[in-house]
Amino acid sequence: MNKNNMKEGYGIEYYANGNKYKGNFKNDKYDEYGIIYLTNGVIYESEFKNGYLEGYGIVKYIDGEYE
């Protein structure tokens, strides 16, 4: 947390629906590299900027396929 009580730097955020984010935060938002783990087994790796996806990412499916 920074002085304004916002998430800053590397961390993990858990959601009530079982999803999870592991990665960097800046001003309480996803920033730089992060991974989103969905409850259905899908994993999404990407760069983020100001809380939004930035550029290309990798989607890994439970069966081992990715795009």
N, C-alpha and C. Protein backbone atom coordinates (compact mmCIF):
# COMPACT_ATOMS: atom_id res chain seq x y z
N MET A 1 0.85 -1.19 0.00
CA MET A 1 0.00 0.00 0.00
C MET A 1 0.89 1.25 0.00
N ASN A 2 0.43 2.25 -0.69
CA ASN A 2 1.18 3.50 -0.66
C ASN A 2 0.60 4.43 0.41
N LYS A 3 1.11 5.64 0.48
CA LYS A 3 0.67 6.56 1.53
C LYS A 3 -0.80 6.94 1.42
N ASN A 4 -1.40 6.74 0.24
CA ASN A 4 -2.83 7.03 0.05
C ASN A 4 -3.69 5.78 0.25
N ASN A 5 -3.09 4.74 0.84
CA ASN A 5 -3.78 3.48 1.13
C ASN A 5 -4.27 2.77 -0.14
N MET A 6 -3.46 2.89 -1.20
CA MET A 6 -3.76 2.21 -2.47
C MET A 6 -2.74 1.11 -2.69
N LYS A 7 -3.16 0.03 -3.37
CA LYS A 7 -2.23 -1.05 -3.69
C LYS A 7 -1.13 -0.52 -4.59
N GLU A 8 0.12 -0.91 -4.26
CA GLU A 8 1.29 -0.44 -5.00
C GLU A 8 2.33 -1.55 -5.01
N GLY A 9 2.90 -1.86 -6.18
CA GLY A 9 3.90 -2.90 -6.29
C GLY A 9 3.27 -4.26 -6.50
N TYR A 10 4.06 -5.32 -6.27
CA TYR A 10 3.58 -6.68 -6.52
C TYR A 10 2.60 -7.12 -5.44
N GLY A 11 1.55 -7.84 -5.86
CA GLY A 11 0.59 -8.36 -4.90
C GLY A 11 -0.36 -9.36 -5.53
N ILE A 12 -1.21 -9.91 -4.70
CA ILE A 12 -2.23 -10.87 -5.14
C ILE A 12 -3.58 -10.35 -4.67
N GLU A 13 -4.55 -10.37 -5.55
CA GLU A 13 -5.91 -9.95 -5.20
C GLU A 13 -6.86 -11.10 -5.47
N TYR A 14 -7.65 -11.46 -4.48
CA TYR A 14 -8.62 -12.55 -4.57
C TYR A 14 -10.01 -11.95 -4.70
N TYR A 15 -10.84 -12.56 -5.53
CA TYR A 15 -12.19 -12.07 -5.74
C TYR A 15 -13.21 -13.06 -5.18
N ALA A 16 -14.36 -12.57 -4.83
CA ALA A 16 -15.41 -13.40 -4.21
C ALA A 16 -15.84 -14.55 -5.12
N ASN A 17 -15.73 -14.37 -6.42
CA ASN A 17 -16.15 -15.42 -7.36
C ASN A 17 -15.08 -16.51 -7.53
N GLY A 18 -13.94 -16.37 -6.85
CA GLY A 18 -12.88 -17.36 -6.93
C GLY A 18 -11.75 -17.01 -7.88
N ASN A 19 -11.92 -16.00 -8.71
CA ASN A 19 -10.85 -15.55 -9.59
C ASN A 19 -9.74 -14.90 -8.78
N LYS A 20 -8.55 -14.79 -9.38
CA LYS A 20 -7.41 -14.22 -8.67
C LYS A 20 -6.51 -13.49 -9.65
N TYR A 21 -5.90 -12.41 -9.19
CA TYR A 21 -4.91 -11.66 -9.98
C TYR A 21 -3.60 -11.66 -9.21
N LYS A 22 -2.52 -11.99 -9.89
CA LYS A 22 -1.17 -11.90 -9.33
C LYS A 22 -0.35 -11.01 -10.24
N GLY A 23 0.19 -9.95 -9.68
CA GLY A 23 0.99 -9.06 -10.51
C GLY A 23 1.21 -7.73 -9.85
N ASN A 24 1.54 -6.77 -10.67
CA ASN A 24 1.87 -5.43 -10.19
C ASN A 24 0.65 -4.52 -10.14
N PHE A 25 0.67 -3.65 -9.16
CA PHE A 25 -0.36 -2.63 -8.99
C PHE A 25 0.30 -1.26 -8.97
N LYS A 26 -0.42 -0.28 -9.43
CA LYS A 26 -0.02 1.12 -9.31
C LYS A 26 -1.28 1.93 -9.09
N ASN A 27 -1.31 2.69 -8.02
CA ASN A 27 -2.49 3.49 -7.66
C ASN A 27 -3.76 2.65 -7.64
N ASP A 28 -3.66 1.44 -7.05
CA ASP A 28 -4.80 0.55 -6.84
C ASP A 28 -5.30 -0.13 -8.11
N LYS A 29 -4.55 -0.04 -9.22
CA LYS A 29 -4.97 -0.63 -10.48
C LYS A 29 -3.89 -1.58 -10.99
N TYR A 30 -4.30 -2.56 -11.80
CA TYR A 30 -3.33 -3.45 -12.44
C TYR A 30 -2.38 -2.60 -13.26
N ASP A 31 -1.09 -2.94 -13.19
CA ASP A 31 -0.10 -2.17 -13.94
C ASP A 31 1.10 -3.05 -14.25
N GLU A 32 1.62 -2.93 -15.43
CA GLU A 32 2.73 -3.73 -15.93
C GLU A 32 2.30 -5.18 -16.08
N TYR A 33 3.16 -6.14 -15.73
CA TYR A 33 2.88 -7.55 -15.96
C TYR A 33 1.97 -8.13 -14.88
N GLY A 34 1.00 -8.96 -15.30
CA GLY A 34 0.13 -9.63 -14.35
C GLY A 34 -0.50 -10.88 -14.95
N ILE A 35 -1.02 -11.72 -14.06
CA ILE A 35 -1.68 -12.96 -14.48
C ILE A 35 -3.05 -13.02 -13.81
N ILE A 36 -4.07 -13.31 -14.60
CA ILE A 36 -5.41 -13.51 -14.07
C ILE A 36 -5.74 -14.99 -14.14
N TYR A 37 -6.14 -15.55 -13.03
CA TYR A 37 -6.53 -16.96 -12.94
C TYR A 37 -8.04 -17.02 -12.79
N LEU A 38 -8.71 -17.64 -13.73
CA LEU A 38 -10.16 -17.76 -13.68
C LEU A 38 -10.55 -19.11 -13.08
N THR A 39 -11.71 -19.16 -12.47
CA THR A 39 -12.16 -20.39 -11.79
C THR A 39 -12.39 -21.55 -12.76
N ASN A 40 -12.57 -21.27 -14.04
CA ASN A 40 -12.77 -22.34 -15.02
C ASN A 40 -11.45 -22.94 -15.49
N GLY A 41 -10.33 -22.50 -14.91
CA GLY A 41 -9.02 -23.04 -15.24
C GLY A 41 -8.24 -22.25 -16.27
N VAL A 42 -8.86 -21.26 -16.89
CA VAL A 42 -8.19 -20.42 -17.88
C VAL A 42 -7.25 -19.44 -17.16
N ILE A 43 -6.06 -19.27 -17.73
CA ILE A 43 -5.07 -18.34 -17.18
C ILE A 43 -4.76 -17.32 -18.27
N TYR A 44 -4.77 -16.05 -17.91
CA TYR A 44 -4.49 -14.98 -18.86
C TYR A 44 -3.29 -14.19 -18.39
N GLU A 45 -2.22 -14.17 -19.17
CA GLU A 45 -1.01 -13.40 -18.86
C GLU A 45 -0.94 -12.21 -19.80
N SER A 46 -0.67 -11.04 -19.24
CA SER A 46 -0.64 -9.85 -20.09
C SER A 46 0.08 -8.71 -19.40
N GLU A 47 0.29 -7.67 -20.17
CA GLU A 47 0.72 -6.38 -19.64
C GLU A 47 -0.54 -5.56 -19.40
N PHE A 48 -0.49 -4.75 -18.37
CA PHE A 48 -1.61 -3.89 -18.02
C PHE A 48 -1.11 -2.46 -17.87
N LYS A 49 -1.98 -1.52 -18.10
CA LYS A 49 -1.66 -0.12 -17.89
C LYS A 49 -2.90 0.58 -17.36
N ASN A 50 -2.77 1.17 -16.20
CA ASN A 50 -3.87 1.92 -15.59
C ASN A 50 -5.13 1.06 -15.42
N GLY A 51 -4.92 -0.24 -15.15
CA GLY A 51 -6.05 -1.13 -14.89
C GLY A 51 -6.61 -1.83 -16.11
N TYR A 52 -6.07 -1.53 -17.30
CA TYR A 52 -6.59 -2.10 -18.54
C TYR A 52 -5.52 -2.94 -19.24
N LEU A 53 -5.97 -3.91 -20.04
CA LEU A 53 -5.05 -4.71 -20.84
C LEU A 53 -4.29 -3.80 -21.79
N GLU A 54 -3.02 -4.09 -21.95
CA GLU A 54 -2.16 -3.28 -22.81
C GLU A 54 -1.40 -4.22 -23.75
N GLY A 55 -1.64 -4.12 -25.02
CA GLY A 55 -0.92 -4.96 -25.98
C GLY A 55 -1.47 -6.38 -26.02
N TYR A 56 -0.59 -7.31 -26.34
CA TYR A 56 -0.98 -8.71 -26.49
C TYR A 56 -0.82 -9.47 -25.19
N GLY A 57 -1.60 -10.52 -25.06
CA GLY A 57 -1.50 -11.39 -23.91
C GLY A 57 -1.53 -12.84 -24.35
N ILE A 58 -1.37 -13.73 -23.40
CA ILE A 58 -1.40 -15.17 -23.67
C ILE A 58 -2.54 -15.77 -22.86
N VAL A 59 -3.40 -16.53 -23.54
CA VAL A 59 -4.49 -17.24 -22.88
C VAL A 59 -4.12 -18.71 -22.83
N LYS A 60 -4.09 -19.29 -21.64
CA LYS A 60 -3.79 -20.72 -21.48
C LYS A 60 -5.06 -21.41 -21.00
N TYR A 61 -5.46 -22.42 -21.75
CA TYR A 61 -6.67 -23.17 -21.41
C TYR A 61 -6.34 -24.39 -20.58
N ILE A 62 -7.31 -24.91 -19.89
CA ILE A 62 -7.13 -26.04 -18.99
C ILE A 62 -6.59 -27.28 -19.70
N ASP A 63 -6.88 -27.43 -21.00
CA ASP A 63 -6.39 -28.58 -21.75
C ASP A 63 -4.96 -28.41 -22.27
N GLY A 64 -4.33 -27.28 -21.91
CA GLY A 64 -2.95 -27.05 -22.30
C GLY A 64 -2.78 -26.22 -23.56
N GLU A 65 -3.85 -25.96 -24.27
CA GLU A 65 -3.79 -25.13 -25.47
C GLU A 65 -3.59 -23.67 -25.07
N TYR A 66 -2.94 -22.91 -25.96
CA TYR A 66 -2.95 -21.48 -25.76
C TYR A 66 -3.01 -20.70 -27.03
N GLU A 67 -3.34 -19.40 -26.88
CA GLU A 67 -3.39 -18.50 -28.02
C GLU A 67 -2.73 -17.19 -27.65
